């Protein structure tokens, strides 16, 4: 296993995916985000939902927003719907996937 440069635990399971930051050749870079898993239907993909606040200057208040992201799920990280996960930006893996899951908060 190789270090990915973050203070996260290595997965207990081993995988042979080349798009895994721990066992493959995928390099991570950029932003670190947290979100909640809402779907695991596509293969090797998790749909996460991020909730955040956006300031509206006209009304001097915050509004609640949410955004869904398609993220790559390596085989060595086991997820269920409702889990909170940490994802990190990486190179484009497919048309919609630009992030990879590195940690799950059960």
PDB file of N, CA and C in Angstrom:
ATOM      1  N   UNK A   1       0.836  -1.178   0.000  1.00  0.00           N
ATOM      2  CA  UNK A   1       0.000   0.000   0.000  1.00  0.00           C
ATOM      3  C   UNK A   1       0.882   1.243   0.000  1.00  0.00           C
ATOM      4  N   UNK A   2       0.395   2.249  -0.693  1.00  0.00           N
ATOM      5  CA  UNK A   2       1.148   3.491  -0.741  1.00  0.00           C
ATOM      6  C   UNK A   2       0.413   4.579   0.038  1.00  0.00           C
ATOM      7  N   UNK A   3       1.170   5.537   0.516  1.00  0.00           N
ATOM      8  CA  UNK A   3       0.588   6.659   1.239  1.00  0.00           C
ATOM      9  C   UNK A   3      -0.026   7.623   0.234  1.00  0.00           C
ATOM     10  N   UNK A   4      -1.205   8.166   0.566  1.00  0.00           N
ATOM     11  CA  UNK A   4      -1.854   9.098  -0.340  1.00  0.00           C
ATOM     12  C   UNK A   4      -1.653  10.540   0.098  1.00  0.00           C
ATOM     13  N   UNK A   5      -0.905  10.755   1.171  1.00  0.00           N
ATOM     14  CA  UNK A   5      -0.589  12.100   1.613  1.00  0.00           C
ATOM     15  C   UNK A   5      -1.598  12.708   2.568  1.00  0.00           C
ATOM     16  N   UNK A   6      -2.572  11.919   3.016  1.00  0.00           N
ATOM     17  CA  UNK A   6      -3.560  12.394   3.976  1.00  0.00           C
ATOM     18  C   UNK A   6      -3.536  11.514   5.201  1.00  0.00           C
ATOM     19  N   UNK A   7      -4.068  12.039   6.287  1.00  0.00           N
ATOM     20  CA  UNK A   7      -4.123  11.278   7.531  1.00  0.00           C
ATOM     21  C   UNK A   7      -5.423  10.469   7.569  1.00  0.00           C
ATOM     22  N   UNK A   8      -5.508   9.433   6.732  1.00  0.00           N
ATOM     23  CA  UNK A   8      -6.662   8.533   6.708  1.00  0.00           C
ATOM     24  C   UNK A   8      -6.153   7.103   6.885  1.00  0.00           C
ATOM     25  N   UNK A   9      -6.999   6.266   7.442  1.00  0.00           N
ATOM     26  CA  UNK A   9      -6.629   4.872   7.640  1.00  0.00           C
ATOM     27  C   UNK A   9      -6.651   4.122   6.316  1.00  0.00           C
ATOM     28  N   UNK A  10      -5.738   3.180   6.176  1.00  0.00           N
ATOM     29  CA  UNK A  10      -5.731   2.328   4.990  1.00  0.00           C
ATOM     30  C   UNK A  10      -6.882   1.337   5.080  1.00  0.00           C
ATOM     31  N   UNK A  11      -7.514   0.996   3.973  1.00  0.00           N
ATOM     32  CA  UNK A  11      -8.575  -0.014   4.014  1.00  0.00           C
ATOM     33  C   UNK A  11      -8.021  -1.371   4.424  1.00  0.00           C
ATOM     34  N   UNK A  12      -8.842  -2.143   5.139  1.00  0.00           N
ATOM     35  CA  UNK A  12      -8.403  -3.465   5.590  1.00  0.00           C
ATOM     36  C   UNK A  12      -8.357  -4.451   4.435  1.00  0.00           C
ATOM     37  N   UNK A  13      -9.259  -4.295   3.480  1.00  0.00           N
ATOM     38  CA  UNK A  13      -9.313  -5.217   2.347  1.00  0.00           C
ATOM     39  C   UNK A  13      -8.362  -4.765   1.251  1.00  0.00           C
ATOM     40  N   UNK A  14      -7.989  -5.703   0.416  1.00  0.00           N
ATOM     41  CA  UNK A  14      -7.107  -5.444  -0.715  1.00  0.00           C
ATOM     42  C   UNK A  14      -7.948  -5.440  -1.973  1.00  0.00           C
ATOM     43  N   UNK A  15      -7.612  -4.591  -2.927  1.00  0.00           N
ATOM     44  CA  UNK A  15      -8.339  -4.595  -4.198  1.00  0.00           C
ATOM     45  C   UNK A  15      -7.341  -4.532  -5.345  1.00  0.00           C
ATOM     46  N   UNK A  16      -7.796  -4.898  -6.515  1.00  0.00           N
ATOM     47  CA  UNK A  16      -6.925  -4.912  -7.695  1.00  0.00           C
ATOM     48  C   UNK A  16      -7.329  -3.831  -8.688  1.00  0.00           C
ATOM     49  N   UNK A  17      -8.089  -2.859  -8.243  1.00  0.00           N
ATOM     50  CA  UNK A  17      -8.541  -1.782  -9.116  1.00  0.00           C
ATOM     51  C   UNK A  17      -7.395  -0.817  -9.390  1.00  0.00           C
ATOM     52  N   UNK A  18      -7.234  -0.435 -10.653  1.00  0.00           N
ATOM     53  CA  UNK A  18      -6.174   0.521 -10.969  1.00  0.00           C
ATOM     54  C   UNK A  18      -6.603   1.953 -10.638  1.00  0.00           C
ATOM     55  N   UNK A  19      -7.912   2.157 -10.407  1.00  0.00           N
ATOM     56  CA  UNK A  19      -8.430   3.466 -10.035  1.00  0.00           C
ATOM     57  C   UNK A  19      -8.649   3.573  -8.526  1.00  0.00           C
ATOM     58  N   UNK A  20      -7.782   2.973  -7.751  1.00  0.00           N
ATOM     59  CA  UNK A  20      -7.829   3.051  -6.293  1.00  0.00           C
ATOM     60  C   UNK A  20      -6.626   3.877  -5.833  1.00  0.00           C
ATOM     61  N   UNK A  21      -6.835   4.886  -4.981  1.00  0.00           N
ATOM     62  CA  UNK A  21      -5.685   5.687  -4.539  1.00  0.00           C
ATOM     63  C   UNK A  21      -4.731   4.921  -3.623  1.00  0.00           C
ATOM     64  N   UNK A  22      -5.199   3.851  -2.980  1.00  0.00           N
ATOM     65  CA  UNK A  22      -4.359   3.084  -2.067  1.00  0.00           C
ATOM     66  C   UNK A  22      -3.618   1.945  -2.760  1.00  0.00           C
ATOM     67  N   UNK A  23      -4.286   1.227  -3.665  1.00  0.00           N
ATOM     68  CA  UNK A  23      -3.708   0.034  -4.276  1.00  0.00           C
ATOM     69  C   UNK A  23      -3.404   0.197  -5.762  1.00  0.00           C
ATOM     70  N   UNK A  24      -3.883   1.246  -6.381  1.00  0.00           N
ATOM     71  CA  UNK A  24      -3.707   1.436  -7.818  1.00  0.00           C
ATOM     72  C   UNK A  24      -2.807   2.614  -8.133  1.00  0.00           C
ATOM     73  N   UNK A  25      -3.018   3.177  -9.314  1.00  0.00           N
ATOM     74  CA  UNK A  25      -2.169   4.265  -9.794  1.00  0.00           C
ATOM     75  C   UNK A  25      -2.852   5.625  -9.758  1.00  0.00           C
ATOM     76  N   UNK A  26      -3.997   5.747  -9.113  1.00  0.00           N
ATOM     77  CA  UNK A  26      -4.753   6.990  -9.111  1.00  0.00           C
ATOM     78  C   UNK A  26      -4.119   7.992  -8.149  1.00  0.00           C
ATOM     79  N   UNK A  27      -3.754   9.156  -8.684  1.00  0.00           N
ATOM     80  CA  UNK A  27      -3.195  10.210  -7.852  1.00  0.00           C
ATOM     81  C   UNK A  27      -4.315  11.178  -7.476  1.00  0.00           C
ATOM     82  N   UNK A  28      -4.271  11.653  -6.247  1.00  0.00           N
ATOM     83  CA  UNK A  28      -5.304  12.585  -5.778  1.00  0.00           C
ATOM     84  C   UNK A  28      -4.723  13.982  -5.714  1.00  0.00           C
ATOM     85  N   UNK A  29      -5.625  14.963  -5.844  1.00  0.00           N
ATOM     86  CA  UNK A  29      -5.224  16.368  -5.824  1.00  0.00           C
ATOM     87  C   UNK A  29      -6.456  17.206  -5.540  1.00  0.00           C
ATOM     88  N   UNK A  30      -6.272  18.449  -5.234  1.00  0.00           N
ATOM     89  CA  UNK A  30      -7.401  19.362  -5.139  1.00  0.00           C
ATOM     90  C   UNK A  30      -8.160  19.305  -3.825  1.00  0.00           C
ATOM     91  N   UNK A  31      -9.471  19.532  -3.938  1.00  0.00           N
ATOM     92  CA  UNK A  31     -10.322  19.725  -2.771  1.00  0.00           C
ATOM     93  C   UNK A  31     -10.723  18.423  -2.092  1.00  0.00           C
ATOM     94  N   UNK A  32     -10.967  18.524  -0.778  1.00  0.00           N
ATOM     95  CA  UNK A  32     -11.490  17.432   0.020  1.00  0.00           C
ATOM     96  C   UNK A  32     -12.914  17.798   0.429  1.00  0.00           C
ATOM     97  N   UNK A  33     -13.864  16.902   0.166  1.00  0.00           N
ATOM     98  CA  UNK A  33     -15.270  17.178   0.444  1.00  0.00           C
ATOM     99  C   UNK A  33     -15.860  16.070   1.301  1.00  0.00           C
ATOM    100  N   UNK A  34     -16.967  16.379   1.963  1.00  0.00           N
ATOM    101  CA  UNK A  34     -17.726  15.378   2.714  1.00  0.00           C
ATOM    102  C   UNK A  34     -19.147  15.374   2.197  1.00  0.00           C
ATOM    103  N   UNK A  35     -19.755  14.198   2.227  1.00  0.00           N
ATOM    104  CA  UNK A  35     -21.130  14.085   1.772  1.00  0.00           C
ATOM    105  C   UNK A  35     -21.760  12.818   2.291  1.00  0.00           C
ATOM    106  N   UNK A  36     -23.043  12.674   2.014  1.00  0.00           N
ATOM    107  CA  UNK A  36     -23.812  11.519   2.461  1.00  0.00           C
ATOM    108  C   UNK A  36     -24.149  10.671   1.246  1.00  0.00           C
ATOM    109  N   UNK A  37     -23.955   9.358   1.343  1.00  0.00           N
ATOM    110  CA  UNK A  37     -24.240   8.448   0.235  1.00  0.00           C
ATOM    111  C   UNK A  37     -25.750   8.305   0.092  1.00  0.00           C
ATOM    112  N   UNK A  38     -26.276   8.612  -1.103  1.00  0.00           N
ATOM    113  CA  UNK A  38     -27.706   8.491  -1.343  1.00  0.00           C
ATOM    114  C   UNK A  38     -28.024   7.346  -2.308  1.00  0.00           C
ATOM    115  N   UNK A  39     -27.035   6.878  -3.082  1.00  0.00           N
ATOM    116  CA  UNK A  39     -27.293   5.786  -4.016  1.00  0.00           C
ATOM    117  C   UNK A  39     -25.996   5.051  -4.318  1.00  0.00           C
ATOM    118  N   UNK A  40     -26.124   3.731  -4.485  1.00  0.00           N
ATOM    119  CA  UNK A  40     -24.995   2.888  -4.872  1.00  0.00           C
ATOM    120  C   UNK A  40     -25.336   2.066  -6.118  1.00  0.00           C
ATOM    121  N   UNK A  41     -26.320   2.513  -6.898  1.00  0.00           N
ATOM    122  CA  UNK A  41     -26.796   1.725  -8.030  1.00  0.00           C
ATOM    123  C   UNK A  41     -25.763   1.518  -9.130  1.00  0.00           C
ATOM    124  N   UNK A  42     -25.090   2.549  -9.658  1.00  0.00           N
ATOM    125  CA  UNK A  42     -24.121   2.273 -10.719  1.00  0.00           C
ATOM    126  C   UNK A  42     -22.945   1.460 -10.190  1.00  0.00           C
ATOM    127  N   UNK A  43     -22.344   0.664 -11.047  1.00  0.00           N
ATOM    128  CA  UNK A  43     -21.222  -0.186 -10.638  1.00  0.00           C
ATOM    129  C   UNK A  43     -19.993   0.672 -10.347  1.00  0.00           C
ATOM    130  N   UNK A  44     -19.320   0.412  -9.232  1.00  0.00           N
ATOM    131  CA  UNK A  44     -18.125   1.128  -8.789  1.00  0.00           C
ATOM    132  C   UNK A  44     -18.349   2.631  -8.632  1.00  0.00           C
ATOM    133  N   UNK A  45     -19.583   3.045  -8.408  1.00  0.00           N
ATOM    134  CA  UNK A  45     -19.914   4.460  -8.283  1.00  0.00           C
ATOM    135  C   UNK A  45     -20.841   4.665  -7.099  1.00  0.00           C
ATOM    136  N   UNK A  46     -20.649   5.766  -6.417  1.00  0.00           N
ATOM    137  CA  UNK A  46     -21.557   6.173  -5.345  1.00  0.00           C
ATOM    138  C   UNK A  46     -22.035   7.583  -5.664  1.00  0.00           C
ATOM    139  N   UNK A  47     -23.313   7.822  -5.447  1.00  0.00           N
ATOM    140  CA  UNK A  47     -23.859   9.162  -5.600  1.00  0.00           C
ATOM    141  C   UNK A  47     -23.931   9.764  -4.206  1.00  0.00           C
ATOM    142  N   UNK A  48     -23.239  10.879  -3.997  1.00  0.00           N
ATOM    143  CA  UNK A  48     -23.261  11.522  -2.684  1.00  0.00           C
ATOM    144  C   UNK A  48     -23.954  12.869  -2.799  1.00  0.00           C
ATOM    145  N   UNK A  49     -24.504  13.319  -1.678  1.00  0.00           N
ATOM    146  CA  UNK A  49     -25.186  14.598  -1.629  1.00  0.00           C
ATOM    147  C   UNK A  49     -24.467  15.490  -0.625  1.00  0.00           C
ATOM    148  N   UNK A  50     -24.092  16.681  -1.078  1.00  0.00           N
ATOM    149  CA  UNK A  50     -23.456  17.674  -0.224  1.00  0.00           C
ATOM    150  C   UNK A  50     -24.461  18.766   0.094  1.00  0.00           C
ATOM    151  N   UNK A  51     -24.572  19.138   1.355  1.00  0.00           N
ATOM    152  CA  UNK A  51     -25.440  20.240   1.777  1.00  0.00           C
ATOM    153  C   UNK A  51     -24.541  21.357   2.287  1.00  0.00           C
ATOM    154  N   UNK A  52     -24.841  22.586   1.854  1.00  0.00           N
ATOM    155  CA  UNK A  52     -24.031  23.725   2.253  1.00  0.00           C
ATOM    156  C   UNK A  52     -24.882  24.983   2.271  1.00  0.00           C
ATOM    157  N   UNK A  53     -24.322  26.056   2.819  1.00  0.00           N
ATOM    158  CA  UNK A  53     -25.009  27.346   2.898  1.00  0.00           C
ATOM    159  C   UNK A  53     -24.381  28.313   1.904  1.00  0.00           C
ATOM    160  N   UNK A  54     -25.226  29.113   1.250  1.00  0.00           N
ATOM    161  CA  UNK A  54     -24.784  30.119   0.289  1.00  0.00           C
ATOM    162  C   UNK A  54     -25.333  31.460   0.746  1.00  0.00           C
ATOM    163  N   UNK A  55     -24.461  32.458   0.869  1.00  0.00           N
ATOM    164  CA  UNK A  55     -24.873  33.782   1.307  1.00  0.00           C
ATOM    165  C   UNK A  55     -25.508  34.548   0.146  1.00  0.00           C
ATOM    166  N   UNK A  56     -26.678  35.155   0.395  1.00  0.00           N
ATOM    167  CA  UNK A  56     -27.370  35.975  -0.596  1.00  0.00           C
ATOM    168  C   UNK A  56     -27.240  37.423  -0.145  1.00  0.00           C
ATOM    169  N   UNK A  57     -26.413  38.216  -0.830  1.00  0.00           N
ATOM    170  CA  UNK A  57     -26.158  39.585  -0.370  1.00  0.00           C
ATOM    171  C   UNK A  57     -27.397  40.474  -0.364  1.00  0.00           C
ATOM    172  N   UNK A  58     -28.298  40.277  -1.313  1.00  0.00           N
ATOM    173  CA  UNK A  58     -29.477  41.135  -1.396  1.00  0.00           C
ATOM    174  C   UNK A  58     -30.311  41.069  -0.115  1.00  0.00           C
ATOM    175  N   UNK A  59     -30.476  39.871   0.411  1.00  0.00           N
ATOM    176  CA  UNK A  59     -31.294  39.678   1.605  1.00  0.00           C
ATOM    177  C   UNK A  59     -30.471  39.557   2.882  1.00  0.00           C
ATOM    178  N   UNK A  60     -29.157  39.577   2.763  1.00  0.00           N
ATOM    179  CA  UNK A  60     -28.236  39.451   3.885  1.00  0.00           C
ATOM    180  C   UNK A  60     -28.550  38.222   4.730  1.00  0.00           C
ATOM    181  N   UNK A  61     -28.839  37.131   4.055  1.00  0.00           N
ATOM    182  CA  UNK A  61     -29.149  35.859   4.716  1.00  0.00           C
ATOM    183  C   UNK A  61     -28.472  34.721   3.954  1.00  0.00           C
ATOM    184  N   UNK A  62     -28.511  33.558   4.580  1.00  0.00           N
ATOM    185  CA  UNK A  62     -27.977  32.366   3.949  1.00  0.00           C
ATOM    186  C   UNK A  62     -29.131  31.510   3.431  1.00  0.00           C
ATOM    187  N   UNK A  63     -28.898  30.821   2.316  1.00  0.00           N
ATOM    188  CA  UNK A  63     -29.869  29.851   1.834  1.00  0.00           C
ATOM    189  C   UNK A  63     -29.221  28.477   1.822  1.00  0.00           C
ATOM    190  N   UNK A  64     -30.047  27.468   2.054  1.00  0.00           N
ATOM    191  CA  UNK A  64     -29.549  26.104   2.052  1.00  0.00           C
ATOM    192  C   UNK A  64     -29.533  25.583   0.623  1.00  0.00           C
ATOM    193  N   UNK A  65     -28.449  24.939   0.254  1.00  0.00           N
ATOM    194  CA  UNK A  65     -28.337  24.339  -1.071  1.00  0.00           C
ATOM    195  C   UNK A  65     -27.829  22.921  -0.923  1.00  0.00           C
ATOM    196  N   UNK A  66     -28.055  22.129  -1.987  1.00  0.00           N
ATOM    197  CA  UNK A  66     -27.517  20.774  -2.007  1.00  0.00           C
ATOM    198  C   UNK A  66     -27.096  20.446  -3.430  1.00  0.00           C
ATOM    199  N   UNK A  67     -26.115  19.561  -3.529  1.00  0.00           N
ATOM    200  CA  UNK A  67     -25.571  19.186  -4.821  1.00  0.00           C
ATOM    201  C   UNK A  67     -25.238  17.706  -4.781  1.00  0.00           C
ATOM    202  N   UNK A  68     -25.526  16.999  -5.856  1.00  0.00           N
ATOM    203  CA  UNK A  68     -25.189  15.579  -5.945  1.00  0.00           C
ATOM    204  C   UNK A  68     -23.951  15.406  -6.813  1.00  0.00           C
ATOM    205  N   UNK A  69     -23.060  14.524  -6.371  1.00  0.00           N
ATOM    206  CA  UNK A  69     -21.825  14.224  -7.083  1.00  0.00           C
ATOM    207  C   UNK A  69     -21.734  12.735  -7.346  1.00  0.00           C
ATOM    208  N   UNK A  70     -21.246  12.365  -8.518  1.00  0.00           N
ATOM    209  CA  UNK A  70     -20.910  10.978  -8.799  1.00  0.00           C
ATOM    210  C   UNK A  70     -19.443  10.795  -8.438  1.00  0.00           C
ATOM    211  N   UNK A  71     -19.165   9.833  -7.573  1.00  0.00           N
ATOM    212  CA  UNK A  71     -17.790   9.596  -7.131  1.00  0.00           C
ATOM    213  C   UNK A  71     -17.429   8.138  -7.358  1.00  0.00           C
ATOM    214  N   UNK A  72     -16.132   7.882  -7.567  1.00  0.00           N
ATOM    215  CA  UNK A  72     -15.657   6.513  -7.757  1.00  0.00           C
ATOM    216  C   UNK A  72     -15.547   5.823  -6.405  1.00  0.00           C
ATOM    217  N   UNK A  73     -16.025   4.582  -6.337  1.00  0.00           N
ATOM    218  CA  UNK A  73     -15.960   3.792  -5.112  1.00  0.00           C
ATOM    219  C   UNK A  73     -15.035   2.610  -5.356  1.00  0.00           C
ATOM    220  N   UNK A  74     -13.813   2.619  -4.777  1.00  0.00           N
ATOM    221  CA  UNK A  74     -12.918   1.473  -4.925  1.00  0.00           C
ATOM    222  C   UNK A  74     -13.508   0.231  -4.258  1.00  0.00           C
ATOM    223  N   UNK A  75     -13.083  -0.946  -4.713  1.00  0.00           N
ATOM    224  CA  UNK A  75     -13.595  -2.207  -4.168  1.00  0.00           C
ATOM    225  C   UNK A  75     -13.195  -2.414  -2.710  1.00  0.00           C
ATOM    226  N   UNK A  76     -12.095  -1.806  -2.270  1.00  0.00           N
ATOM    227  CA  UNK A  76     -11.605  -2.048  -0.911  1.00  0.00           C
ATOM    228  C   UNK A  76     -12.372  -1.248   0.149  1.00  0.00           C
ATOM    229  N   UNK A  77     -13.206  -0.298  -0.256  1.00  0.00           N
ATOM    230  CA  UNK A  77     -13.987   0.498   0.692  1.00  0.00           C
ATOM    231  C   UNK A  77     -15.449   0.079   0.591  1.00  0.00           C
ATOM    232  N   UNK A  78     -15.986  -0.437   1.677  1.00  0.00           N
ATOM    233  CA  UNK A  78     -17.374  -0.901   1.714  1.00  0.00           C
ATOM    234  C   UNK A  78     -18.280   0.226   2.192  1.00  0.00           C
ATOM    235  N   UNK A  79     -19.349   0.483   1.438  1.00  0.00           N
ATOM    236  CA  UNK A  79     -20.276   1.559   1.766  1.00  0.00           C
ATOM    237  C   UNK A  79     -21.699   1.053   1.786  1.00  0.00           C
ATOM    238  N   UNK A  80     -22.547   1.774   2.520  1.00  0.00           N
ATOM    239  CA  UNK A  80     -23.989   1.555   2.502  1.00  0.00           C
ATOM    240  C   UNK A  80     -24.653   2.910   2.335  1.00  0.00           C
ATOM    241  N   UNK A  81     -25.885   2.910   1.903  1.00  0.00           N
ATOM    242  CA  UNK A  81     -26.609   4.166   1.778  1.00  0.00           C
ATOM    243  C   UNK A  81     -26.777   4.786   3.159  1.00  0.00           C
ATOM    244  N   UNK A  82     -26.581   6.077   3.254  1.00  0.00           N
ATOM    245  CA  UNK A  82     -26.678   6.780   4.519  1.00  0.00           C
ATOM    246  C   UNK A  82     -25.344   7.031   5.185  1.00  0.00           C
ATOM    247  N   UNK A  83     -24.270   6.393   4.723  1.00  0.00           N
ATOM    248  CA  UNK A  83     -22.942   6.621   5.291  1.00  0.00           C
ATOM    249  C   UNK A  83     -22.442   8.011   4.907  1.00  0.00           C
ATOM    250  N   UNK A  84     -21.685   8.614   5.805  1.00  0.00           N
ATOM    251  CA  UNK A  84     -20.998   9.861   5.497  1.00  0.00           C
ATOM    252  C   UNK A  84     -19.599   9.509   5.021  1.00  0.00           C
ATOM    253  N   UNK A  85     -19.161  10.116   3.917  1.00  0.00           N
ATOM    254  CA  UNK A  85     -17.877   9.771   3.326  1.00  0.00           C
ATOM    255  C   UNK A  85     -17.040  11.019   3.076  1.00  0.00           C
ATOM    256  N   UNK A  86     -15.726  10.805   3.003  1.00  0.00           N
ATOM    257  CA  UNK A  86     -14.795  11.846   2.605  1.00  0.00           C
ATOM    258  C   UNK A  86     -14.339  11.522   1.187  1.00  0.00           C
ATOM    259  N   UNK A  87     -14.459  12.481   0.290  1.00  0.00           N
ATOM    260  CA  UNK A  87     -14.038  12.286  -1.095  1.00  0.00           C
ATOM    261  C   UNK A  87     -12.990  13.330  -1.445  1.00  0.00           C
ATOM    262  N   UNK A  88     -12.114  12.960  -2.389  1.00  0.00           N
ATOM    263  CA  UNK A  88     -11.035  13.842  -2.808  1.00  0.00           C
ATOM    264  C   UNK A  88     -11.039  13.936  -4.322  1.00  0.00           C
ATOM    265  N   UNK A  89     -10.729  15.110  -4.813  1.00  0.00           N
ATOM    266  CA  UNK A  89     -10.680  15.348  -6.246  1.00  0.00           C
ATOM    267  C   UNK A  89      -9.513  14.582  -6.865  1.00  0.00           C
ATOM    268  N   UNK A  90      -9.713  14.110  -8.095  1.00  0.00           N
ATOM    269  CA  UNK A  90      -8.679  13.387  -8.826  1.00  0.00           C
ATOM    270  C   UNK A  90      -8.852  13.678 -10.315  1.00  0.00           C
ATOM    271  N   UNK A  91      -8.106  12.994 -11.148  1.00  0.00           N
ATOM    272  CA  UNK A  91      -8.258  13.154 -12.590  1.00  0.00           C
ATOM    273  C   UNK A  91      -9.615  12.607 -13.012  1.00  0.00           C
ATOM    274  N   UNK A  92     -10.135  12.979 -14.183  1.00  0.00           N
ATOM    275  CA  UNK A  92     -11.423  12.435 -14.623  1.00  0.00           C
ATOM    276  C   UNK A  92     -11.342  10.914 -14.835  1.00  0.00           C
ATOM    277  N   UNK A  93     -12.228  10.177 -14.174  1.00  0.00           N
ATOM    278  CA  UNK A  93     -12.273   8.722 -14.315  1.00  0.00           C
ATOM    279  C   UNK A  93     -13.268   8.343 -15.403  1.00  0.00           C
ATOM    280  N   UNK A  94     -14.350   9.092 -15.514  1.00  0.00           N
ATOM    281  CA  UNK A  94     -15.339   8.891 -16.573  1.00  0.00           C
ATOM    282  C   UNK A  94     -15.948  10.254 -16.890  1.00  0.00           C
ATOM    283  N   UNK A  95     -17.047  10.247 -17.617  1.00  0.00           N
ATOM    284  CA  UNK A  95     -17.668  11.505 -18.018  1.00  0.00           C
ATOM    285  C   UNK A  95     -18.101  12.353 -16.823  1.00  0.00           C
ATOM    286  N   UNK A  96     -18.609  11.714 -15.782  1.00  0.00           N
ATOM    287  CA  UNK A  96     -19.142  12.464 -14.638  1.00  0.00           C
ATOM    288  C   UNK A  96     -18.343  12.286 -13.349  1.00  0.00           C
ATOM    289  N   UNK A  97     -17.397  11.372 -13.300  1.00  0.00           N
ATOM    290  CA  UNK A  97     -16.677  11.099 -12.053  1.00  0.00           C
ATOM    291  C   UNK A  97     -15.323  11.809 -12.035  1.00  0.00           C
ATOM    292  N   UNK A  98     -15.161  12.720 -11.065  1.00  0.00           N
ATOM    293  CA  UNK A  98     -13.901  13.433 -10.876  1.00  0.00           C
ATOM    294  C   UNK A  98     -13.438  13.393  -9.416  1.00  0.00           C
ATOM    295  N   UNK A  99     -14.065  12.552  -8.609  1.00  0.00           N
ATOM    296  CA  UNK A  99     -13.736  12.417  -7.197  1.00  0.00           C
ATOM    297  C   UNK A  99     -13.664  10.931  -6.848  1.00  0.00           C
ATOM    298  N   UNK A 100     -12.952  10.603  -5.777  1.00  0.00           N
ATOM    299  CA  UNK A 100     -12.827   9.228  -5.312  1.00  0.00           C
ATOM    300  C   UNK A 100     -13.038   9.197  -3.798  1.00  0.00           C
ATOM    301  N   UNK A 101     -13.695   8.140  -3.324  1.00  0.00           N
ATOM    302  CA  UNK A 101     -13.934   7.963  -1.887  1.00  0.00           C
ATOM    303  C   UNK A 101     -12.650   7.465  -1.233  1.00  0.00           C
ATOM    304  N   UNK A 102     -12.248   8.103  -0.109  1.00  0.00           N
ATOM    305  CA  UNK A 102     -11.058   7.657   0.610  1.00  0.00           C
ATOM    306  C   UNK A 102     -11.355   7.251   2.045  1.00  0.00           C
ATOM    307  N   UNK A 103     -12.513   7.655   2.584  1.00  0.00           N
ATOM    308  CA  UNK A 103     -12.807   7.318   3.967  1.00  0.00           C
ATOM    309  C   UNK A 103     -14.302   7.300   4.186  1.00  0.00           C
ATOM    310  N   UNK A 104     -14.744   6.380   5.026  1.00  0.00           N
ATOM    311  CA  UNK A 104     -16.162   6.288   5.372  1.00  0.00           C
ATOM    312  C   UNK A 104     -16.316   6.477   6.873  1.00  0.00           C
ATOM    313  N   UNK A 105     -17.280   7.331   7.243  1.00  0.00           N
ATOM    314  CA  UNK A 105     -17.601   7.555   8.651  1.00  0.00           C
ATOM    315  C   UNK A 105     -18.926   6.837   8.911  1.00  0.00           C
ATOM    316  N   UNK A 106     -18.886   5.651   9.461  1.00  0.00           N
ATOM    317  CA  UNK A 106     -20.099   4.823   9.624  1.00  0.00           C
ATOM    318  C   UNK A 106     -21.024   5.406  10.652  1.00  0.00           C
TER     319      UNK A 106
END
